[in-house]
Amino acid sequence: MTLEPDTSQAAPSGPVHSMTLYGIREEHPGPRWQALHDATRDAYHRWYLSEGAAARPDLPTCHRMLMSHMPELAADGISRAPLLVRNYDYGLDLFERVVYSSAFTGRRVLGTGDCLWGLLDGMNDVGLAVSLAFGGRPGSSPGFGIPLVVRYLLEVATSLGDVRSVLRRVPVNMSYNLTVVDGSGEGLTAFVAPDTAPEFSAARVATNHRGTVPEYPERAQSLRSVERQRLLLSLLDSDPDITGLTSAFLRPPLRSTEYGRAFGTLYTAVYRPNDGVVDYLWPDDSWRRTFDSVDATKTVILKES
């Protein structure tokens, strides 16, 4: 897909940032994953122990929880067509910048990596696609990090029914919205939070709050969450074609250039799970990955306004 850049806007006056993404195809963790581990281990280790070792579960506890809730992983170490479009807004310095194609449990999975084997978004070879967004509710509790839950969904789920079943039994550590589409084109959004039963909605949009009325209005306002949700709902009501839909994701307010406060859009991802294709988009660039894409890199320029 090629999108023409919008030249009607004034040229950005702020700084620019160079970002290189790494596309990896590796059925099981191998030398490329090991290189990723070696490059990020120290930073993850500092973050993990930032509150002290006593605040984190030990290795036997982690393994026991995996065996109890996600044994398949523990054993092995918005249109008529099925489509999922998402913007990922975050801090550039905290973004792993890896697109990983794998077959850890035998099922082919392709997605944007986080925390070494977790995923921010992705799809599998039976037509399921999932993306995550912060759910707006503060606080945390013992449970699994959401990137690992997204990975697990794509490894074991083939339908929306499977997704509901997994989310009802797997505990999560923070609040998130998960948007899911399956191979038939049916979709749902799930709000998950610690110590709370998941809430499922037929809505096909999710921003950074639960439902339609934010529980924490000030936080939602700082992220323009309601404004973005209303625009997305309006877009779906207009039944846009794929070009119109993706173009909206590449413009404000859906696209953010606030990289200085760790809330800039790092990429727009367009998943077509039945075709096995994901397009990463920026206002004047794009990058396509499939399950079979060879290892490659992609450098893009992110501009602050």
C-alpha atoms as a PDB file:
ATOM      1  CA  MET A   1       0.000   0.000   0.000  1.00  0.00           C
ATOM      2  CA  THR A   2       1.265   3.450  -0.893  1.00  0.00           C
ATOM      3  CA  LEU A   3      -0.195   6.545   0.688  1.00  0.00           C
ATOM      4  CA  GLU A   4       0.579   9.990  -0.647  1.00  0.00           C
ATOM      5  CA  PRO A   5       2.022  12.333   1.993  1.00  0.00           C
ATOM      6  CA  ASP A   6      -0.188  15.193   3.141  1.00  0.00           C
ATOM      7  CA  THR A   7       1.659  18.299   1.953  1.00  0.00           C
ATOM      8  CA  SER A   8      -1.044  20.689   3.083  1.00  0.00           C
ATOM      9  CA  GLN A   9       0.296  20.767   6.627  1.00  0.00           C
ATOM     10  CA  ALA A  10       3.041  23.116   7.717  1.00  0.00           C
ATOM     11  CA  ALA A  11       6.490  21.551   7.916  1.00  0.00           C
ATOM     12  CA  PRO A  12       7.331  20.278  11.423  1.00  0.00           C
ATOM     13  CA  SER A  13       9.319  22.812  13.392  1.00  0.00           C
ATOM     14  CA  GLY A  14      10.458  20.469  16.163  1.00  0.00           C
ATOM     15  CA  PRO A  15      13.180  17.834  16.301  1.00  0.00           C
ATOM     16  CA  VAL A  16      13.226  14.675  14.215  1.00  0.00           C
ATOM     17  CA  HIS A  17      14.013  11.165  15.431  1.00  0.00           C
ATOM     18  CA  SER A  18      15.488   8.283  13.458  1.00  0.00           C
ATOM     19  CA  MET A  19      14.041   4.853  14.257  1.00  0.00           C
ATOM     20  CA  THR A  20      15.274   1.528  12.870  1.00  0.00           C
ATOM     21  CA  LEU A  21      12.994  -1.515  13.077  1.00  0.00           C
ATOM     22  CA  TYR A  22      14.332  -5.058  12.875  1.00  0.00           C
ATOM     23  CA  GLY A  23      12.332  -7.742  11.092  1.00  0.00           C
ATOM     24  CA  ILE A  24      13.192 -11.253  12.289  1.00  0.00           C
ATOM     25  CA  ARG A  25      11.984 -14.593  10.977  1.00  0.00           C
ATOM     26  CA  GLU A  26      12.873 -17.414  13.382  1.00  0.00           C
ATOM     27  CA  GLU A  27      10.504 -20.320  14.123  1.00  0.00           C
ATOM     28  CA  HIS A  28      12.043 -20.895  17.543  1.00  0.00           C
ATOM     29  CA  PRO A  29      14.295 -18.646  19.628  1.00  0.00           C
ATOM     30  CA  GLY A  30      17.697 -18.788  17.951  1.00  0.00           C
ATOM     31  CA  PRO A  31      20.679 -16.538  17.267  1.00  0.00           C
ATOM     32  CA  ARG A  32      18.592 -13.493  16.311  1.00  0.00           C
ATOM     33  CA  TRP A  33      16.515 -13.746  19.488  1.00  0.00           C
ATOM     34  CA  GLN A  34      19.705 -14.320  21.466  1.00  0.00           C
ATOM     35  CA  ALA A  35      21.162 -11.119  20.000  1.00  0.00           C
ATOM     36  CA  LEU A  36      17.977  -9.265  21.020  1.00  0.00           C
ATOM     37  CA  HIS A  37      18.278 -10.722  24.516  1.00  0.00           C
ATOM     38  CA  ASP A  38      21.925  -9.703  24.806  1.00  0.00           C
ATOM     39  CA  ALA A  39      21.177  -6.158  23.622  1.00  0.00           C
ATOM     40  CA  THR A  40      18.263  -5.568  25.998  1.00  0.00           C
ATOM     41  CA  ARG A  41      18.889  -7.811  29.009  1.00  0.00           C
ATOM     42  CA  ASP A  42      20.632  -5.264  31.230  1.00  0.00           C
ATOM     43  CA  ALA A  43      17.926  -2.619  30.725  1.00  0.00           C
ATOM     44  CA  TYR A  44      15.115  -5.107  31.351  1.00  0.00           C
ATOM     45  CA  HIS A  45      16.960  -6.418  34.412  1.00  0.00           C
ATOM     46  CA  ARG A  46      17.270  -2.914  35.904  1.00  0.00           C
ATOM     47  CA  TRP A  47      13.589  -2.233  35.246  1.00  0.00           C
ATOM     48  CA  TYR A  48      12.475  -5.590  36.647  1.00  0.00           C
ATOM     49  CA  LEU A  49      14.378  -5.109  39.907  1.00  0.00           C
ATOM     50  CA  SER A  50      13.732  -1.362  40.207  1.00  0.00           C
ATOM     51  CA  GLU A  51      11.420  -1.961  43.211  1.00  0.00           C
ATOM     52  CA  GLY A  52      13.684  -4.596  44.759  1.00  0.00           C
ATOM     53  CA  ALA A  53      13.841  -8.362  44.313  1.00  0.00           C
ATOM     54  CA  ALA A  54      11.249  -8.916  47.038  1.00  0.00           C
ATOM     55  CA  ALA A  55       8.624  -7.120  44.925  1.00  0.00           C
ATOM     56  CA  ARG A  56       8.986  -9.653  42.098  1.00  0.00           C
ATOM     57  CA  PRO A  57       8.100 -13.357  41.982  1.00  0.00           C
ATOM     58  CA  ASP A  58      10.996 -15.801  41.971  1.00  0.00           C
ATOM     59  CA  LEU A  59      11.714 -18.142  39.050  1.00  0.00           C
ATOM     60  CA  PRO A  60       9.895 -21.193  40.482  1.00  0.00           C
ATOM     61  CA  THR A  61       6.779 -19.061  41.040  1.00  0.00           C
ATOM     62  CA  CYS A  62       6.919 -17.726  37.480  1.00  0.00           C
ATOM     63  CA  HIS A  63       7.282 -21.234  36.072  1.00  0.00           C
ATOM     64  CA  ARG A  64       4.423 -22.538  38.240  1.00  0.00           C
ATOM     65  CA  MET A  65       2.122 -19.736  37.069  1.00  0.00           C
ATOM     66  CA  LEU A  66       2.978 -20.416  33.420  1.00  0.00           C
ATOM     67  CA  MET A  67       2.288 -24.124  33.851  1.00  0.00           C
ATOM     68  CA  SER A  68      -1.002 -23.331  35.583  1.00  0.00           C
ATOM     69  CA  HIS A  69      -2.345 -20.674  33.184  1.00  0.00           C
ATOM     70  CA  MET A  70      -0.413 -20.982  29.893  1.00  0.00           C
ATOM     71  CA  PRO A  71       0.920 -24.552  29.701  1.00  0.00           C
ATOM     72  CA  GLU A  72       1.310 -24.419  25.928  1.00  0.00           C
ATOM     73  CA  LEU A  73       3.915 -21.670  26.284  1.00  0.00           C
ATOM     74  CA  ALA A  74       5.615 -23.217  29.282  1.00  0.00           C
ATOM     75  CA  ALA A  75       6.078 -26.471  27.434  1.00  0.00           C
ATOM     76  CA  ASP A  76       7.903 -24.863  24.548  1.00  0.00           C
ATOM     77  CA  GLY A  77      10.115 -22.655  26.567  1.00  0.00           C
ATOM     78  CA  ILE A  78     -12.344  -2.557  11.223  1.00  0.00           C
ATOM     79  CA  SER A  79     -14.151  -3.242   8.015  1.00  0.00           C
ATOM     80  CA  ARG A  80     -16.153  -6.036   6.287  1.00  0.00           C
ATOM     81  CA  ALA A  81     -12.996  -7.995   5.559  1.00  0.00           C
ATOM     82  CA  PRO A  82     -10.896  -9.269   8.455  1.00  0.00           C
ATOM     83  CA  LEU A  83      -8.796  -6.219   9.254  1.00  0.00           C
ATOM     84  CA  LEU A  84      -7.185  -4.657  12.306  1.00  0.00           C
ATOM     85  CA  VAL A  85      -5.684  -1.159  12.242  1.00  0.00           C
ATOM     86  CA  ARG A  86      -3.842   0.325  15.211  1.00  0.00           C
ATOM     87  CA  ASN A  87      -1.580   3.208  16.209  1.00  0.00           C
ATOM     88  CA  TYR A  88       1.044   2.581  18.858  1.00  0.00           C
ATOM     89  CA  ASP A  89       1.858   5.700  20.894  1.00  0.00           C
ATOM     90  CA  TYR A  90       4.734   5.357  23.330  1.00  0.00           C
ATOM     91  CA  GLY A  91       8.228   6.469  24.250  1.00  0.00           C
ATOM     92  CA  LEU A  92      10.772   5.824  21.531  1.00  0.00           C
ATOM     93  CA  ASP A  93      13.493   4.885  24.023  1.00  0.00           C
ATOM     94  CA  LEU A  94      11.287   2.142  25.493  1.00  0.00           C
ATOM     95  CA  PHE A  95      10.258   0.588  22.167  1.00  0.00           C
ATOM     96  CA  GLU A  96      11.964  -2.717  21.351  1.00  0.00           C
ATOM     97  CA  ARG A  97      11.705  -2.049  17.573  1.00  0.00           C
ATOM     98  CA  VAL A  98      11.412  -5.708  16.569  1.00  0.00           C
ATOM     99  CA  VAL A  99       8.888  -7.357  14.247  1.00  0.00           C
ATOM    100  CA  TYR A 100       9.079 -11.092  14.925  1.00  0.00           C
ATOM    101  CA  SER A 101       7.822 -14.017  12.820  1.00  0.00           C
ATOM    102  CA  SER A 102       7.847 -17.258  14.803  1.00  0.00           C
ATOM    103  CA  ALA A 103       6.355 -20.704  15.353  1.00  0.00           C
ATOM    104  CA  PHE A 104       7.102 -21.282  19.037  1.00  0.00           C
ATOM    105  CA  THR A 105       4.284 -23.820  19.512  1.00  0.00           C
ATOM    106  CA  GLY A 106       3.931 -24.840  15.855  1.00  0.00           C
ATOM    107  CA  ARG A 107       1.451 -22.091  15.006  1.00  0.00           C
ATOM    108  CA  ARG A 108       2.861 -19.252  12.917  1.00  0.00           C
ATOM    109  CA  VAL A 109       2.678 -15.873  14.635  1.00  0.00           C
ATOM    110  CA  LEU A 110       3.810 -12.471  13.377  1.00  0.00           C
ATOM    111  CA  GLY A 111       3.771  -9.313  15.446  1.00  0.00           C
ATOM    112  CA  THR A 112       5.472  -6.340  17.073  1.00  0.00           C
ATOM    113  CA  GLY A 113       7.707  -7.469  19.909  1.00  0.00           C
ATOM    114  CA  ASP A 114       7.881  -6.340  23.524  1.00  0.00           C
ATOM    115  CA  CYS A 115       9.668  -7.792  26.556  1.00  0.00           C
ATOM    116  CA  LEU A 116      11.598 -10.263  24.361  1.00  0.00           C
ATOM    117  CA  TRP A 117       8.812 -12.779  23.684  1.00  0.00           C
ATOM    118  CA  GLY A 118       5.678 -10.741  24.279  1.00  0.00           C
ATOM    119  CA  LEU A 119       3.749  -8.821  21.599  1.00  0.00           C
ATOM    120  CA  LEU A 120       2.121  -5.389  21.372  1.00  0.00           C
ATOM    121  CA  ASP A 121       0.012  -6.555  18.437  1.00  0.00           C
ATOM    122  CA  GLY A 122       0.087  -9.441  16.006  1.00  0.00           C
ATOM    123  CA  MET A 123      -1.712 -12.143  14.016  1.00  0.00           C
ATOM    124  CA  ASN A 124      -1.577 -15.903  13.613  1.00  0.00           C
ATOM    125  CA  ASP A 125      -1.931 -18.274  10.681  1.00  0.00           C
ATOM    126  CA  VAL A 126      -5.605 -19.047  11.366  1.00  0.00           C
ATOM    127  CA  GLY A 127      -6.740 -15.466  10.849  1.00  0.00           C
ATOM    128  CA  LEU A 128      -6.750 -14.049  14.388  1.00  0.00           C
ATOM    129  CA  ALA A 129      -5.319 -10.566  15.025  1.00  0.00           C
ATOM    130  CA  VAL A 130      -4.941  -8.808  18.401  1.00  0.00           C
ATOM    131  CA  SER A 131      -3.719  -5.415  19.601  1.00  0.00           C
ATOM    132  CA  LEU A 132      -3.419  -3.869  23.058  1.00  0.00           C
ATOM    133  CA  ALA A 133      -3.971  -0.379  24.466  1.00  0.00           C
ATOM    134  CA  PHE A 134      -3.628   0.940  28.000  1.00  0.00           C
ATOM    135  CA  GLY A 135      -7.036   0.717  29.685  1.00  0.00           C
ATOM    136  CA  GLY A 136      -6.842   3.930  31.733  1.00  0.00           C
ATOM    137  CA  ARG A 137      -7.254   2.443  35.208  1.00  0.00           C
ATOM    138  CA  PRO A 138      -4.171   2.980  37.405  1.00  0.00           C
ATOM    139  CA  GLY A 139      -2.584   0.418  39.685  1.00  0.00           C
ATOM    140  CA  SER A 140      -1.274  -3.104  39.380  1.00  0.00           C
ATOM    141  CA  SER A 141      -1.631  -6.490  41.021  1.00  0.00           C
ATOM    142  CA  PRO A 142      -0.039  -9.933  40.648  1.00  0.00           C
ATOM    143  CA  GLY A 143      -0.707 -11.248  37.161  1.00  0.00           C
ATOM    144  CA  PHE A 144       0.819 -11.644  33.723  1.00  0.00           C
ATOM    145  CA  GLY A 145       2.161  -8.736  31.702  1.00  0.00           C
ATOM    146  CA  ILE A 146      -0.198  -8.005  28.827  1.00  0.00           C
ATOM    147  CA  PRO A 147       2.411  -8.509  26.041  1.00  0.00           C
ATOM    148  CA  LEU A 148       2.747 -12.146  27.118  1.00  0.00           C
ATOM    149  CA  VAL A 149      -1.048 -12.493  27.170  1.00  0.00           C
ATOM    150  CA  VAL A 150      -1.223 -11.209  23.576  1.00  0.00           C
ATOM    151  CA  ARG A 151       1.477 -13.726  22.606  1.00  0.00           C
ATOM    152  CA  TYR A 152      -0.473 -16.514  24.337  1.00  0.00           C
ATOM    153  CA  LEU A 153      -3.748 -15.608  22.626  1.00  0.00           C
ATOM    154  CA  LEU A 154      -2.094 -15.813  19.224  1.00  0.00           C
ATOM    155  CA  GLU A 155      -0.429 -19.124  20.062  1.00  0.00           C
ATOM    156  CA  VAL A 156      -3.583 -20.930  21.260  1.00  0.00           C
ATOM    157  CA  ALA A 157      -6.732 -19.094  20.102  1.00  0.00           C
ATOM    158  CA  THR A 158      -8.479 -19.585  16.769  1.00  0.00           C
ATOM    159  CA  SER A 159     -11.791 -17.795  17.444  1.00  0.00           C
ATOM    160  CA  LEU A 160     -13.394 -15.079  19.529  1.00  0.00           C
ATOM    161  CA  GLY A 161     -14.769 -17.810  21.787  1.00  0.00           C
ATOM    162  CA  ASP A 162     -11.231 -18.991  22.495  1.00  0.00           C
ATOM    163  CA  VAL A 163     -10.206 -15.403  23.275  1.00  0.00           C
ATOM    164  CA  ARG A 164     -13.025 -14.975  25.785  1.00  0.00           C
ATOM    165  CA  SER A 165     -12.151 -18.280  27.440  1.00  0.00           C
ATOM    166  CA  VAL A 166      -8.461 -17.422  27.802  1.00  0.00           C
ATOM    167  CA  LEU A 167      -9.086 -13.922  29.151  1.00  0.00           C
ATOM    168  CA  ARG A 168     -11.543 -15.232  31.749  1.00  0.00           C
ATOM    169  CA  ARG A 169      -8.934 -17.534  33.268  1.00  0.00           C
ATOM    170  CA  VAL A 170      -5.586 -15.741  32.824  1.00  0.00           C
ATOM    171  CA  PRO A 171      -4.836 -13.025  35.435  1.00  0.00           C
ATOM    172  CA  VAL A 172      -3.314  -9.754  34.217  1.00  0.00           C
ATOM    173  CA  ASN A 173      -1.239  -7.251  36.164  1.00  0.00           C
ATOM    174  CA  MET A 174      -2.642  -3.945  34.823  1.00  0.00           C
ATOM    175  CA  SER A 175      -5.677  -2.603  32.970  1.00  0.00           C
ATOM    176  CA  TYR A 176      -5.770  -2.844  29.177  1.00  0.00           C
ATOM    177  CA  ASN A 177      -8.111  -2.808  26.228  1.00  0.00           C
ATOM    178  CA  LEU A 178      -7.622  -5.649  23.747  1.00  0.00           C
ATOM    179  CA  THR A 179      -9.103  -5.411  20.267  1.00  0.00           C
ATOM    180  CA  VAL A 180      -9.487  -8.710  18.420  1.00  0.00           C
ATOM    181  CA  VAL A 181     -10.661  -9.769  14.962  1.00  0.00           C
ATOM    182  CA  ASP A 182     -10.934 -13.348  13.717  1.00  0.00           C
ATOM    183  CA  GLY A 183     -10.797 -14.919  10.277  1.00  0.00           C
ATOM    184  CA  SER A 184     -14.534 -14.487   9.699  1.00  0.00           C
ATOM    185  CA  GLY A 185     -14.285 -10.728  10.197  1.00  0.00           C
ATOM    186  CA  GLU A 186     -16.051 -10.792  13.567  1.00  0.00           C
ATOM    187  CA  GLY A 187     -14.465  -8.671  16.277  1.00  0.00           C
ATOM    188  CA  LEU A 188     -14.594  -7.642  19.917  1.00  0.00           C
ATOM    189  CA  THR A 189     -12.931  -5.367  22.431  1.00  0.00           C
ATOM    190  CA  ALA A 190     -12.098  -6.705  25.894  1.00  0.00           C
ATOM    191  CA  PHE A 191     -11.320  -4.614  28.957  1.00  0.00           C
ATOM    192  CA  VAL A 192      -9.081  -6.578  31.333  1.00  0.00           C
ATOM    193  CA  ALA A 193      -7.793  -5.503  34.738  1.00  0.00           C
ATOM    194  CA  PRO A 194      -6.321  -7.080  37.879  1.00  0.00           C
ATOM    195  CA  ASP A 195      -8.724  -8.917  40.181  1.00  0.00           C
ATOM    196  CA  THR A 196     -11.624  -8.118  37.836  1.00  0.00           C
ATOM    197  CA  ALA A 197     -13.602 -10.279  35.425  1.00  0.00           C
ATOM    198  CA  PRO A 198     -12.997  -9.185  31.813  1.00  0.00           C
ATOM    199  CA  GLU A 199     -15.663  -7.103  30.106  1.00  0.00           C
ATOM    200  CA  PHE A 200     -16.410  -7.873  26.450  1.00  0.00           C
ATOM    201  CA  SER A 201     -17.915  -5.459  23.970  1.00  0.00           C
ATOM    202  CA  ALA A 202     -18.900  -5.738  20.322  1.00  0.00           C
ATOM    203  CA  ALA A 203     -17.320  -2.313  19.803  1.00  0.00           C
ATOM    204  CA  ARG A 204     -14.476  -2.494  17.317  1.00  0.00           C
ATOM    205  CA  VAL A 205     -12.565   0.486  18.647  1.00  0.00           C
ATOM    206  CA  ALA A 206     -10.432   1.026  21.717  1.00  0.00           C
ATOM    207  CA  THR A 207      -8.475   4.003  22.970  1.00  0.00           C
ATOM    208  CA  ASN A 208      -7.165   4.559  26.516  1.00  0.00           C
ATOM    209  CA  HIS A 209     -10.198   4.277  28.764  1.00  0.00           C
ATOM    210  CA  ARG A 210     -12.828   1.706  29.703  1.00  0.00           C
ATOM    211  CA  GLY A 211     -16.181   1.857  27.914  1.00  0.00           C
ATOM    212  CA  THR A 212     -17.467   5.216  26.713  1.00  0.00           C
ATOM    213  CA  VAL A 213     -17.226   7.254  29.927  1.00  0.00           C
ATOM    214  CA  PRO A 214     -13.718   7.401  31.444  1.00  0.00           C
ATOM    215  CA  GLU A 215     -13.281   6.287  35.049  1.00  0.00           C
ATOM    216  CA  TYR A 216     -10.360   8.724  35.343  1.00  0.00           C
ATOM    217  CA  PRO A 217     -11.303  11.795  33.279  1.00  0.00           C
ATOM    218  CA  GLU A 218      -8.080  13.750  33.797  1.00  0.00           C
ATOM    219  CA  ARG A 219      -5.930  10.910  32.554  1.00  0.00           C
ATOM    220  CA  ALA A 220      -8.231  10.310  29.592  1.00  0.00           C
ATOM    221  CA  GLN A 221      -8.134  14.022  28.742  1.00  0.00           C
ATOM    222  CA  SER A 222      -4.326  14.089  28.795  1.00  0.00           C
ATOM    223  CA  LEU A 223      -4.341  11.293  26.206  1.00  0.00           C
ATOM    224  CA  ARG A 224      -7.252  12.742  24.185  1.00  0.00           C
ATOM    225  CA  SER A 225      -8.823   9.328  24.644  1.00  0.00           C
ATOM    226  CA  VAL A 226     -12.487  10.341  24.309  1.00  0.00           C
ATOM    227  CA  GLU A 227     -11.791  12.564  21.298  1.00  0.00           C
ATOM    228  CA  ARG A 228     -10.002   9.736  19.524  1.00  0.00           C
ATOM    229  CA  GLN A 229     -12.696   7.195  20.427  1.00  0.00           C
ATOM    230  CA  ARG A 230     -15.471   9.406  19.049  1.00  0.00           C
ATOM    231  CA  LEU A 231     -13.579   9.929  15.816  1.00  0.00           C
ATOM    232  CA  LEU A 232     -13.023   6.183  15.393  1.00  0.00           C
ATOM    233  CA  LEU A 233     -16.694   5.425  15.998  1.00  0.00           C
ATOM    234  CA  SER A 234     -17.647   8.099  13.482  1.00  0.00           C
ATOM    235  CA  LEU A 235     -15.239   6.620  10.951  1.00  0.00           C
ATOM    236  CA  LEU A 236     -16.750   3.154  11.302  1.00  0.00           C
ATOM    237  CA  ASP A 237     -20.263   4.566  10.937  1.00  0.00           C
ATOM    238  CA  SER A 238     -19.220   6.076   7.594  1.00  0.00           C
ATOM    239  CA  ASP A 239     -18.128   2.628   6.324  1.00  0.00           C
ATOM    240  CA  PRO A 240     -14.761   3.855   4.983  1.00  0.00           C
ATOM    241  CA  ASP A 241     -12.615   2.007   2.480  1.00  0.00           C
ATOM    242  CA  ILE A 242      -9.177   0.880   3.590  1.00  0.00           C
ATOM    243  CA  THR A 243      -7.437   3.934   2.156  1.00  0.00           C
ATOM    244  CA  GLY A 244      -9.756   6.345   3.937  1.00  0.00           C
ATOM    245  CA  LEU A 245      -9.440   4.458   7.206  1.00  0.00           C
ATOM    246  CA  THR A 246      -5.658   4.247   7.210  1.00  0.00           C
ATOM    247  CA  SER A 247      -5.301   7.848   6.086  1.00  0.00           C
ATOM    248  CA  ALA A 248      -7.216   8.940   9.199  1.00  0.00           C
ATOM    249  CA  PHE A 249      -4.777   6.990  11.373  1.00  0.00           C
ATOM    250  CA  LEU A 250      -1.905   8.955   9.825  1.00  0.00           C
ATOM    251  CA  ARG A 251      -3.347  12.362  10.790  1.00  0.00           C
ATOM    252  CA  PRO A 252      -4.128  14.095  14.094  1.00  0.00           C
ATOM    253  CA  PRO A 253      -5.852  13.459  16.400  1.00  0.00           C
ATOM    254  CA  LEU A 254      -5.313   9.717  15.841  1.00  0.00           C
ATOM    255  CA  ARG A 255      -1.643  10.269  15.073  1.00  0.00           C
ATOM    256  CA  SER A 256       0.436  11.991  17.760  1.00  0.00           C
ATOM    257  CA  THR A 257       3.831  13.662  17.402  1.00  0.00           C
ATOM    258  CA  GLU A 258       4.397  14.234  21.123  1.00  0.00           C
ATOM    259  CA  TYR A 259       7.575  12.170  21.252  1.00  0.00           C
ATOM    260  CA  GLY A 260       9.009  14.480  23.904  1.00  0.00           C
ATOM    261  CA  ARG A 261       6.448  13.259  26.469  1.00  0.00           C
ATOM    262  CA  ALA A 262       6.617   9.609  25.369  1.00  0.00           C
ATOM    263  CA  PHE A 263       3.278   9.806  23.562  1.00  0.00           C
ATOM    264  CA  GLY A 264       4.254   9.883  19.905  1.00  0.00           C
ATOM    265  CA  THR A 265       2.909   7.470  17.298  1.00  0.00           C
ATOM    266  CA  LEU A 266       5.738   5.058  16.582  1.00  0.00           C
ATOM    267  CA  TYR A 267       3.858   3.191  13.860  1.00  0.00           C
ATOM    268  CA  THR A 268       0.486   2.505  12.324  1.00  0.00           C
ATOM    269  CA  ALA A 269      -0.040  -1.235  11.763  1.00  0.00           C
ATOM    270  CA  VAL A 270      -2.607  -2.627   9.323  1.00  0.00           C
ATOM    271  CA  TYR A 271      -3.146  -6.360   9.838  1.00  0.00           C
ATOM    272  CA  ARG A 272      -4.854  -8.473   7.155  1.00  0.00           C
ATOM    273  CA  PRO A 273      -4.763 -11.824   8.957  1.00  0.00           C
ATOM    274  CA  ASN A 274      -6.399 -13.867   6.209  1.00  0.00           C
ATOM    275  CA  ASP A 275      -3.703 -12.679   3.803  1.00  0.00           C
ATOM    276  CA  GLY A 276      -0.879 -13.079   6.306  1.00  0.00           C
ATOM    277  CA  VAL A 277       0.203  -9.474   5.757  1.00  0.00           C
ATOM    278  CA  VAL A 278       0.929  -6.551   8.054  1.00  0.00           C
ATOM    279  CA  ASP A 279       1.750  -3.088   6.704  1.00  0.00           C
ATOM    280  CA  TYR A 280       3.595  -0.681   8.984  1.00  0.00           C
ATOM    281  CA  LEU A 281       2.747   2.860   7.904  1.00  0.00           C
ATOM    282  CA  TRP A 282       4.057   6.374   8.490  1.00  0.00           C
ATOM    283  CA  PRO A 283       2.878   9.581   6.764  1.00  0.00           C
ATOM    284  CA  ASP A 284       5.472   9.238   4.000  1.00  0.00           C
ATOM    285  CA  ASP A 285       6.713   5.655   4.258  1.00  0.00           C
ATOM    286  CA  SER A 286       5.595   2.046   4.663  1.00  0.00           C
ATOM    287  CA  TRP A 287       7.009  -1.414   5.349  1.00  0.00           C
ATOM    288  CA  ARG A 288       5.312  -4.756   4.601  1.00  0.00           C
ATOM    289  CA  ARG A 289       5.982  -7.956   6.537  1.00  0.00           C
ATOM    290  CA  THR A 290       4.564 -11.469   6.084  1.00  0.00           C
ATOM    291  CA  PHE A 291       5.099 -14.759   7.871  1.00  0.00           C
ATOM    292  CA  ASP A 292       7.746 -15.599   5.261  1.00  0.00           C
ATOM    293  CA  SER A 293       9.551 -12.249   5.049  1.00  0.00           C
ATOM    294  CA  VAL A 294      13.313 -12.623   5.372  1.00  0.00           C
ATOM    295  CA  ASP A 295      15.292 -10.812   8.061  1.00  0.00           C
ATOM    296  CA  ALA A 296      15.485  -7.116   7.220  1.00  0.00           C
ATOM    297  CA  THR A 297      15.676  -3.643   8.715  1.00  0.00           C
ATOM    298  CA  LYS A 298      13.675  -0.495   8.098  1.00  0.00           C
ATOM    299  CA  THR A 299      14.697   3.023   9.111  1.00  0.00           C
ATOM    300  CA  VAL A 300      12.101   5.776   9.307  1.00  0.00           C
ATOM    301  CA  ILE A 301      12.131   9.404  10.457  1.00  0.00           C
ATOM    302  CA  LEU A 302       9.676  10.516  13.135  1.00  0.00           C
ATOM    303  CA  LYS A 303       9.004  14.269  13.211  1.00  0.00           C
ATOM    304  CA  GLU A 304       7.820  16.331  16.145  1.00  0.00           C
ATOM    305  CA  SER A 305       5.487  19.218  15.405  1.00  0.00           C
END
